[in-house]
PDB file of N, CA and C in Angstrom:
ATOM      1  N   MET A   1     -70.144  86.997 -65.844  1.00  0.00           N
ATOM      2  CA  MET A   1     -70.037  86.897 -64.397  1.00  0.00           C
ATOM      3  C   MET A   1     -71.425  86.722 -63.770  1.00  0.00           C
ATOM      4  N   ILE A   2     -72.356  87.590 -64.139  1.00  0.00           N
ATOM      5  CA  ILE A   2     -73.704  87.516 -63.580  1.00  0.00           C
ATOM      6  C   ILE A   2     -74.394  86.231 -64.029  1.00  0.00           C
ATOM      7  N   SER A   3     -74.174  85.824 -65.287  1.00  0.00           N
ATOM      8  CA  SER A   3     -74.817  84.601 -65.773  1.00  0.00           C
ATOM      9  C   SER A   3     -74.305  83.380 -65.006  1.00  0.00           C
ATOM     10  N   THR A   4     -73.038  83.372 -64.641  1.00  0.00           N
ATOM     11  CA  THR A   4     -72.485  82.270 -63.848  1.00  0.00           C
ATOM     12  C   THR A   4     -73.135  82.225 -62.469  1.00  0.00           C
ATOM     13  N   ILE A   5     -73.321  83.364 -61.856  1.00  0.00           N
ATOM     14  CA  ILE A   5     -73.961  83.437 -60.539  1.00  0.00           C
ATOM     15  C   ILE A   5     -75.399  82.945 -60.622  1.00  0.00           C
ATOM     16  N   VAL A   6     -76.094  83.330 -61.675  1.00  0.00           N
ATOM     17  CA  VAL A   6     -77.486  82.893 -61.848  1.00  0.00           C
ATOM     18  C   VAL A   6     -77.550  81.377 -62.040  1.00  0.00           C
ATOM     19  N   VAL A   7     -76.652  80.832 -62.832  1.00  0.00           N
ATOM     20  CA  VAL A   7     -76.633  79.380 -63.055  1.00  0.00           C
ATOM     21  C   VAL A   7     -76.338  78.641 -61.745  1.00  0.00           C
ATOM     22  N   VAL A   8     -75.388  79.130 -60.971  1.00  0.00           N
ATOM     23  CA  VAL A   8     -75.065  78.508 -59.684  1.00  0.00           C
ATOM     24  C   VAL A   8     -76.255  78.610 -58.731  1.00  0.00           C
ATOM     25  N   ALA A   9     -76.906  79.745 -58.691  1.00  0.00           N
ATOM     26  CA  ALA A   9     -78.064  79.922 -57.811  1.00  0.00           C
ATOM     27  C   ALA A   9     -79.211  79.002 -58.208  1.00  0.00           C
ATOM     28  N   LEU A  10     -79.483  78.890 -59.492  1.00  0.00           N
ATOM     29  CA  LEU A  10     -80.553  78.006 -59.964  1.00  0.00           C
ATOM     30  C   LEU A  10     -80.219  76.542 -59.707  1.00  0.00           C
ATOM     31  N   SER A  11     -78.974  76.172 -59.925  1.00  0.00           N
ATOM     32  CA  SER A  11     -78.561  74.793 -59.657  1.00  0.00           C
ATOM     33  C   SER A  11     -78.689  74.461 -58.180  1.00  0.00           C
ATOM     34  N   GLY A  12     -78.307  75.396 -57.320  1.00  0.00           N
ATOM     35  CA  GLY A  12     -78.455  75.197 -55.877  1.00  0.00           C
ATOM     36  C   GLY A  12     -79.904  75.059 -55.473  1.00  0.00           C
ATOM     37  N   ALA A  13     -80.779  75.854 -56.086  1.00  0.00           N
ATOM     38  CA  ALA A  13     -82.208  75.771 -55.784  1.00  0.00           C
ATOM     39  C   ALA A  13     -82.785  74.427 -56.215  1.00  0.00           C
ATOM     40  N   VAL A  14     -82.386  73.944 -57.382  1.00  0.00           N
ATOM     41  CA  VAL A  14     -82.870  72.641 -57.859  1.00  0.00           C
ATOM     42  C   VAL A  14     -82.358  71.529 -56.942  1.00  0.00           C
ATOM     43  N   GLY A  15     -81.091  71.577 -56.583  1.00  0.00           N
ATOM     44  CA  GLY A  15     -80.515  70.564 -55.702  1.00  0.00           C
ATOM     45  C   GLY A  15     -81.171  70.554 -54.330  1.00  0.00           C
ATOM     46  N   ALA A  16     -81.408  71.716 -53.774  1.00  0.00           N
ATOM     47  CA  ALA A  16     -82.058  71.799 -52.469  1.00  0.00           C
ATOM     48  C   ALA A  16     -83.490  71.276 -52.531  1.00  0.00           C
ATOM     49  N   THR A  17     -84.184  71.576 -53.617  1.00  0.00           N
ATOM     50  CA  THR A  17     -85.553  71.086 -53.782  1.00  0.00           C
ATOM     51  C   THR A  17     -85.576  69.563 -53.900  1.00  0.00           C
ATOM     52  N   MET A  18     -84.642  69.009 -54.649  1.00  0.00           N
ATOM     53  CA  MET A  18     -84.588  67.554 -54.795  1.00  0.00           C
ATOM     54  C   MET A  18     -84.246  66.880 -53.467  1.00  0.00           C
ATOM     55  N   ARG A  19     -83.298  67.432 -52.724  1.00  0.00           N
ATOM     56  CA  ARG A  19     -82.926  66.881 -51.418  1.00  0.00           C
ATOM     57  C   ARG A  19     -84.124  66.920 -50.473  1.00  0.00           C
ATOM     58  N   HIS A  20     -84.839  68.025 -50.461  1.00  0.00           N
ATOM     59  CA  HIS A  20     -86.014  68.158 -49.606  1.00  0.00           C
ATOM     60  C   HIS A  20     -87.084  67.143 -49.995  1.00  0.00           C
ATOM     61  N   THR A  21     -87.300  66.954 -51.288  1.00  0.00           N
ATOM     62  CA  THR A  21     -88.297  65.993 -51.762  1.00  0.00           C
ATOM     63  C   THR A  21     -87.950  64.573 -51.326  1.00  0.00           C
ATOM     64  N   VAL A  22     -86.677  64.195 -51.430  1.00  0.00           N
ATOM     65  CA  VAL A  22     -86.249  62.862 -50.990  1.00  0.00           C
ATOM     66  C   VAL A  22     -86.454  62.719 -49.487  1.00  0.00           C
ATOM     67  N   ASN A  23     -86.108  63.738 -48.718  1.00  0.00           N
ATOM     68  CA  ASN A  23     -86.273  63.668 -47.265  1.00  0.00           C
ATOM     69  C   ASN A  23     -87.741  63.579 -46.862  1.00  0.00           C
ATOM     70  N   VAL A  24     -88.618  64.302 -47.530  1.00  0.00           N
ATOM     71  CA  VAL A  24     -90.048  64.232 -47.226  1.00  0.00           C
ATOM     72  C   VAL A  24     -90.583  62.837 -47.565  1.00  0.00           C
ATOM     73  N   GLY A  25     -90.197  62.306 -48.709  1.00  0.00           N
ATOM     74  CA  GLY A  25     -90.618  60.954 -49.077  1.00  0.00           C
ATOM     75  C   GLY A  25     -90.080  59.914 -48.109  1.00  0.00           C
ATOM     76  N   ASP A  26     -88.866  60.108 -47.637  1.00  0.00           N
ATOM     77  CA  ASP A  26     -88.273  59.198 -46.666  1.00  0.00           C
ATOM     78  C   ASP A  26     -89.085  59.164 -45.372  1.00  0.00           C
ATOM     79  N   VAL A  27     -89.451  60.320 -44.881  1.00  0.00           N
ATOM     80  CA  VAL A  27     -90.229  60.375 -43.638  1.00  0.00           C
ATOM     81  C   VAL A  27     -91.596  59.739 -43.825  1.00  0.00           C
ATOM     82  N   ARG A  28     -92.203  59.941 -44.963  1.00  0.00           N
ATOM     83  CA  ARG A  28     -93.514  59.332 -45.222  1.00  0.00           C
ATOM     84  C   ARG A  28     -93.415  57.817 -45.334  1.00  0.00           C
ATOM     85  N   TYR A  29     -92.338  57.323 -45.923  1.00  0.00           N
ATOM     86  CA  TYR A  29     -92.211  55.893 -46.165  1.00  0.00           C
ATOM     87  C   TYR A  29     -91.648  55.143 -44.951  1.00  0.00           C
ATOM     88  N   PHE A  30     -90.568  55.681 -44.357  1.00  0.00           N
ATOM     89  CA  PHE A  30     -89.878  54.988 -43.267  1.00  0.00           C
ATOM     90  C   PHE A  30     -90.236  55.518 -41.879  1.00  0.00           C
ATOM     91  N   GLY A  31     -90.773  56.716 -41.787  1.00  0.00           N
ATOM     92  CA  GLY A  31     -91.039  57.314 -40.485  1.00  0.00           C
ATOM     93  C   GLY A  31     -89.854  58.147 -40.011  1.00  0.00           C
ATOM     94  N   HIS A  32     -89.931  58.589 -38.759  1.00  0.00           N
ATOM     95  CA  HIS A  32     -88.915  59.500 -38.213  1.00  0.00           C
ATOM     96  C   HIS A  32     -87.770  58.782 -37.504  1.00  0.00           C
ATOM     97  N   GLY A  33     -87.725  57.458 -37.537  1.00  0.00           N
ATOM     98  CA  GLY A  33     -86.743  56.709 -36.755  1.00  0.00           C
ATOM     99  C   GLY A  33     -85.298  56.943 -37.146  1.00  0.00           C
ATOM    100  N   TYR A  34     -85.008  57.032 -38.430  1.00  0.00           N
ATOM    101  CA  TYR A  34     -83.634  57.174 -38.912  1.00  0.00           C
ATOM    102  C   TYR A  34     -83.662  58.043 -40.168  1.00  0.00           C
ATOM    103  N   PRO A  35     -82.692  58.917 -40.349  1.00  0.00           N
ATOM    104  CA  PRO A  35     -82.708  59.808 -41.522  1.00  0.00           C
ATOM    105  C   PRO A  35     -82.223  59.109 -42.796  1.00  0.00           C
ATOM    106  N   TRP A  36     -83.008  58.156 -43.287  1.00  0.00           N
ATOM    107  CA  TRP A  36     -82.623  57.413 -44.483  1.00  0.00           C
ATOM    108  C   TRP A  36     -82.493  58.322 -45.705  1.00  0.00           C
ATOM    109  N   GLY A  37     -83.329  59.336 -45.808  1.00  0.00           N
ATOM    110  CA  GLY A  37     -83.265  60.242 -46.955  1.00  0.00           C
ATOM    111  C   GLY A  37     -81.929  60.944 -47.056  1.00  0.00           C
ATOM    112  N   THR A  38     -81.396  61.360 -45.926  1.00  0.00           N
ATOM    113  CA  THR A  38     -80.088  62.017 -45.912  1.00  0.00           C
ATOM    114  C   THR A  38     -79.013  61.052 -46.381  1.00  0.00           C
ATOM    115  N   MET A  39     -79.068  59.807 -45.910  1.00  0.00           N
ATOM    116  CA  MET A  39     -78.081  58.823 -46.323  1.00  0.00           C
ATOM    117  C   MET A  39     -78.201  58.529 -47.816  1.00  0.00           C
ATOM    118  N   ILE A  40     -79.428  58.398 -48.312  1.00  0.00           N
ATOM    119  CA  ILE A  40     -79.640  58.127 -49.734  1.00  0.00           C
ATOM    120  C   ILE A  40     -79.067  59.254 -50.589  1.00  0.00           C
ATOM    121  N   VAL A  41     -79.354  60.486 -50.216  1.00  0.00           N
ATOM    122  CA  VAL A  41     -78.880  61.633 -50.993  1.00  0.00           C
ATOM    123  C   VAL A  41     -77.364  61.741 -50.920  1.00  0.00           C
ATOM    124  N   ASN A  42     -76.788  61.571 -49.734  1.00  0.00           N
ATOM    125  CA  ASN A  42     -75.339  61.710 -49.593  1.00  0.00           C
ATOM    126  C   ASN A  42     -74.587  60.634 -50.356  1.00  0.00           C
ATOM    127  N   ILE A  43     -75.082  59.403 -50.337  1.00  0.00           N
ATOM    128  CA  ILE A  43     -74.422  58.335 -51.092  1.00  0.00           C
ATOM    129  C   ILE A  43     -74.584  58.587 -52.590  1.00  0.00           C
ATOM    130  N   GLY A  44     -75.790  58.973 -53.007  1.00  0.00           N
ATOM    131  CA  GLY A  44     -76.060  59.197 -54.424  1.00  0.00           C
ATOM    132  C   GLY A  44     -75.275  60.346 -55.011  1.00  0.00           C
ATOM    133  N   GLU A  45     -75.105  61.415 -54.255  1.00  0.00           N
ATOM    134  CA  GLU A  45     -74.400  62.571 -54.828  1.00  0.00           C
ATOM    135  C   GLU A  45     -72.899  62.372 -54.863  1.00  0.00           C
ATOM    136  N   ARG A  46     -72.387  61.460 -54.097  1.00  0.00           N
ATOM    137  CA  ARG A  46     -70.949  61.185 -54.145  1.00  0.00           C
ATOM    138  C   ARG A  46     -70.596  60.293 -55.333  1.00  0.00           C
ATOM    139  N   GLY A  47     -71.581  59.585 -55.862  1.00  0.00           N
ATOM    140  CA  GLY A  47     -71.325  58.713 -56.998  1.00  0.00           C
ATOM    141  C   GLY A  47     -70.606  57.434 -56.627  1.00  0.00           C
ATOM    142  N   ALA A  48     -70.543  57.131 -55.350  1.00  0.00           N
ATOM    143  CA  ALA A  48     -69.835  55.942 -54.883  1.00  0.00           C
ATOM    144  C   ALA A  48     -70.819  54.957 -54.272  1.00  0.00           C
ATOM    145  N   THR A  49     -71.901  54.718 -54.978  1.00  0.00           N
ATOM    146  CA  THR A  49     -72.971  53.885 -54.438  1.00  0.00           C
ATOM    147  C   THR A  49     -72.482  52.476 -54.157  1.00  0.00           C
ATOM    148  N   SER A  50     -71.762  51.881 -55.089  1.00  0.00           N
ATOM    149  CA  SER A  50     -71.312  50.499 -54.885  1.00  0.00           C
ATOM    150  C   SER A  50     -70.331  50.409 -53.726  1.00  0.00           C
ATOM    151  N   GLN A  51     -69.439  51.377 -53.597  1.00  0.00           N
ATOM    152  CA  GLN A  51     -68.498  51.373 -52.477  1.00  0.00           C
ATOM    153  C   GLN A  51     -69.229  51.550 -51.153  1.00  0.00           C
ATOM    154  N   ALA A  52     -70.213  52.433 -51.127  1.00  0.00           N
ATOM    155  CA  ALA A  52     -70.956  52.661 -49.899  1.00  0.00           C
ATOM    156  C   ALA A  52     -71.764  51.431 -49.507  1.00  0.00           C
ATOM    157  N   LEU A  53     -72.380  50.766 -50.489  1.00  0.00           N
ATOM    158  CA  LEU A  53     -73.146  49.563 -50.184  1.00  0.00           C
ATOM    159  C   LEU A  53     -72.240  48.430 -49.716  1.00  0.00           C
ATOM    160  N   CYS A  54     -71.067  48.291 -50.320  1.00  0.00           N
ATOM    161  CA  CYS A  54     -70.109  47.282 -49.861  1.00  0.00           C
ATOM    162  C   CYS A  54     -69.686  47.564 -48.424  1.00  0.00           C
ATOM    163  N   TYR A  55     -69.422  48.805 -48.114  1.00  0.00           N
ATOM    164  CA  TYR A  55     -69.055  49.169 -46.749  1.00  0.00           C
ATOM    165  C   TYR A  55     -70.202  48.885 -45.787  1.00  0.00           C
ATOM    166  N   LEU A  56     -71.414  49.256 -46.177  1.00  0.00           N
ATOM    167  CA  LEU A  56     -72.579  49.056 -45.319  1.00  0.00           C
ATOM    168  C   LEU A  56     -72.799  47.573 -45.048  1.00  0.00           C
ATOM    169  N   PHE A  57     -72.864  46.772 -46.108  1.00  0.00           N
ATOM    170  CA  PHE A  57     -73.099  45.342 -45.918  1.00  0.00           C
ATOM    171  C   PHE A  57     -71.917  44.667 -45.238  1.00  0.00           C
ATOM    172  N   GLY A  58     -70.702  45.090 -45.571  1.00  0.00           N
ATOM    173  CA  GLY A  58     -69.519  44.532 -44.912  1.00  0.00           C
ATOM    174  C   GLY A  58     -69.516  44.804 -43.428  1.00  0.00           C
ATOM    175  N   SER A  59     -69.862  46.002 -43.028  1.00  0.00           N
ATOM    176  CA  SER A  59     -69.880  46.317 -41.603  1.00  0.00           C
ATOM    177  C   SER A  59     -70.989  45.568 -40.886  1.00  0.00           C
ATOM    178  N   VAL A  60     -72.127  45.377 -41.535  1.00  0.00           N
ATOM    179  CA  VAL A  60     -73.212  44.606 -40.921  1.00  0.00           C
ATOM    180  C   VAL A  60     -72.793  43.154 -40.773  1.00  0.00           C
ATOM    181  N   ILE A  61     -72.228  42.571 -41.812  1.00  0.00           N
ATOM    182  CA  ILE A  61     -71.798  41.169 -41.746  1.00  0.00           C
ATOM    183  C   ILE A  61     -70.712  40.986 -40.699  1.00  0.00           C
ATOM    184  N   LEU A  62     -69.733  41.881 -40.676  1.00  0.00           N
ATOM    185  CA  LEU A  62     -68.678  41.773 -39.670  1.00  0.00           C
ATOM    186  C   LEU A  62     -69.226  41.973 -38.261  1.00  0.00           C
ATOM    187  N   GLY A  63     -70.197  42.843 -38.098  1.00  0.00           N
ATOM    188  CA  GLY A  63     -70.820  43.028 -36.794  1.00  0.00           C
ATOM    189  C   GLY A  63     -71.539  41.774 -36.326  1.00  0.00           C
ATOM    190  N   ILE A  64     -72.247  41.126 -37.228  1.00  0.00           N
ATOM    191  CA  ILE A  64     -72.939  39.883 -36.878  1.00  0.00           C
ATOM    192  C   ILE A  64     -71.927  38.783 -36.549  1.00  0.00           C
ATOM    193  N   LEU A  65     -70.874  38.682 -37.343  1.00  0.00           N
ATOM    194  CA  LEU A  65     -69.841  37.685 -37.056  1.00  0.00           C
ATOM    195  C   LEU A  65     -69.163  37.950 -35.717  1.00  0.00           C
ATOM    196  N   ALA A  66     -68.918  39.211 -35.379  1.00  0.00           N
ATOM    197  CA  ALA A  66     -68.323  39.542 -34.089  1.00  0.00           C
ATOM    198  C   ALA A  66     -69.265  39.161 -32.945  1.00  0.00           C
ATOM    199  N   LEU A  67     -70.544  39.381 -33.129  1.00  0.00           N
ATOM    200  CA  LEU A  67     -71.525  38.983 -32.119  1.00  0.00           C
ATOM    201  C   LEU A  67     -71.528  37.472 -31.927  1.00  0.00           C
ATOM    202  N   ILE A  68     -71.523  36.716 -33.012  1.00  0.00           N
ATOM    203  CA  ILE A  68     -71.497  35.257 -32.921  1.00  0.00           C
ATOM    204  C   ILE A  68     -70.209  34.775 -32.245  1.00  0.00           C
ATOM    205  N   ALA A  69     -69.082  35.354 -32.630  1.00  0.00           N
ATOM    206  CA  ALA A  69     -67.808  34.962 -32.030  1.00  0.00           C
ATOM    207  C   ALA A  69     -67.776  35.292 -30.539  1.00  0.00           C
ATOM    208  N   GLY A  70     -68.289  36.455 -30.175  1.00  0.00           N
ATOM    209  CA  GLY A  70     -68.323  36.835 -28.759  1.00  0.00           C
ATOM    210  C   GLY A  70     -69.185  35.895 -27.941  1.00  0.00           C
ATOM    211  N   ARG A  71     -70.337  35.534 -28.471  1.00  0.00           N
ATOM    212  CA  ARG A  71     -71.213  34.587 -27.764  1.00  0.00           C
ATOM    213  C   ARG A  71     -70.550  33.226 -27.640  1.00  0.00           C
ATOM    214  N   TRP A  72     -69.868  32.793 -28.698  1.00  0.00           N
ATOM    215  CA  TRP A  72     -69.193  31.504 -28.665  1.00  0.00           C
ATOM    216  C   TRP A  72     -68.077  31.501 -27.606  1.00  0.00           C
ATOM    217  N   ILE A  73     -67.303  32.571 -27.567  1.00  0.00           N
ATOM    218  CA  ILE A  73     -66.208  32.674 -26.583  1.00  0.00           C
ATOM    219  C   ILE A  73     -66.772  32.686 -25.169  1.00  0.00           C
ATOM    220  N   MET A  74     -67.797  33.463 -24.924  1.00  0.00           N
ATOM    221  CA  MET A  74     -68.376  33.545 -23.579  1.00  0.00           C
ATOM    222  C   MET A  74     -68.989  32.210 -23.144  1.00  0.00           C
ATOM    223  N   ARG A  75     -69.625  31.523 -24.070  1.00  0.00           N
ATOM    224  CA  ARG A  75     -70.194  30.207 -23.722  1.00  0.00           C
ATOM    225  C   ARG A  75     -69.106  29.188 -23.436  1.00  0.00           C
ATOM    226  N   SER A  76     -67.998  29.258 -24.179  1.00  0.00           N
ATOM    227  CA  SER A  76     -66.919  28.306 -23.913  1.00  0.00           C
ATOM    228  C   SER A  76     -66.217  28.616 -22.581  1.00  0.00           C
ATOM    229  N   ILE A  77     -66.159  29.877 -22.190  1.00  0.00           N
ATOM    230  CA  ILE A  77     -65.560  30.243 -20.899  1.00  0.00           C
ATOM    231  C   ILE A  77     -66.503  29.842 -19.757  1.00  0.00           C
ATOM    232  N   ALA A  78     -67.787  30.025 -19.955  1.00  0.00           N
ATOM    233  CA  ALA A  78     -68.769  29.757 -18.901  1.00  0.00           C
ATOM    234  C   ALA A  78     -68.960  28.263 -18.640  1.00  0.00           C
ATOM    235  N   SER A  79     -68.682  27.435 -19.628  1.00  0.00           N
ATOM    236  CA  SER A  79     -68.955  26.006 -19.423  1.00  0.00           C
ATOM    237  C   SER A  79     -67.756  25.222 -19.032  1.00  0.00           C
TER     238      SER A  79
END
């Protein structure tokens, strides 16, 4: 029982240290504008990196396409 608690406590300490290290490196590399370190850690620990990247790029591409379509519609209405 005690050995299980010690293992869980040590694992939590290692995980927290790694998360903190990624966040500190993120701030040094990218600055304070967006919490990229948190996103990197959350995607990495879920093990769904490819799904998350597909969602990220898909939403960006769809957002750009929606912007282009909106501009096209507004220009056709205005002219």
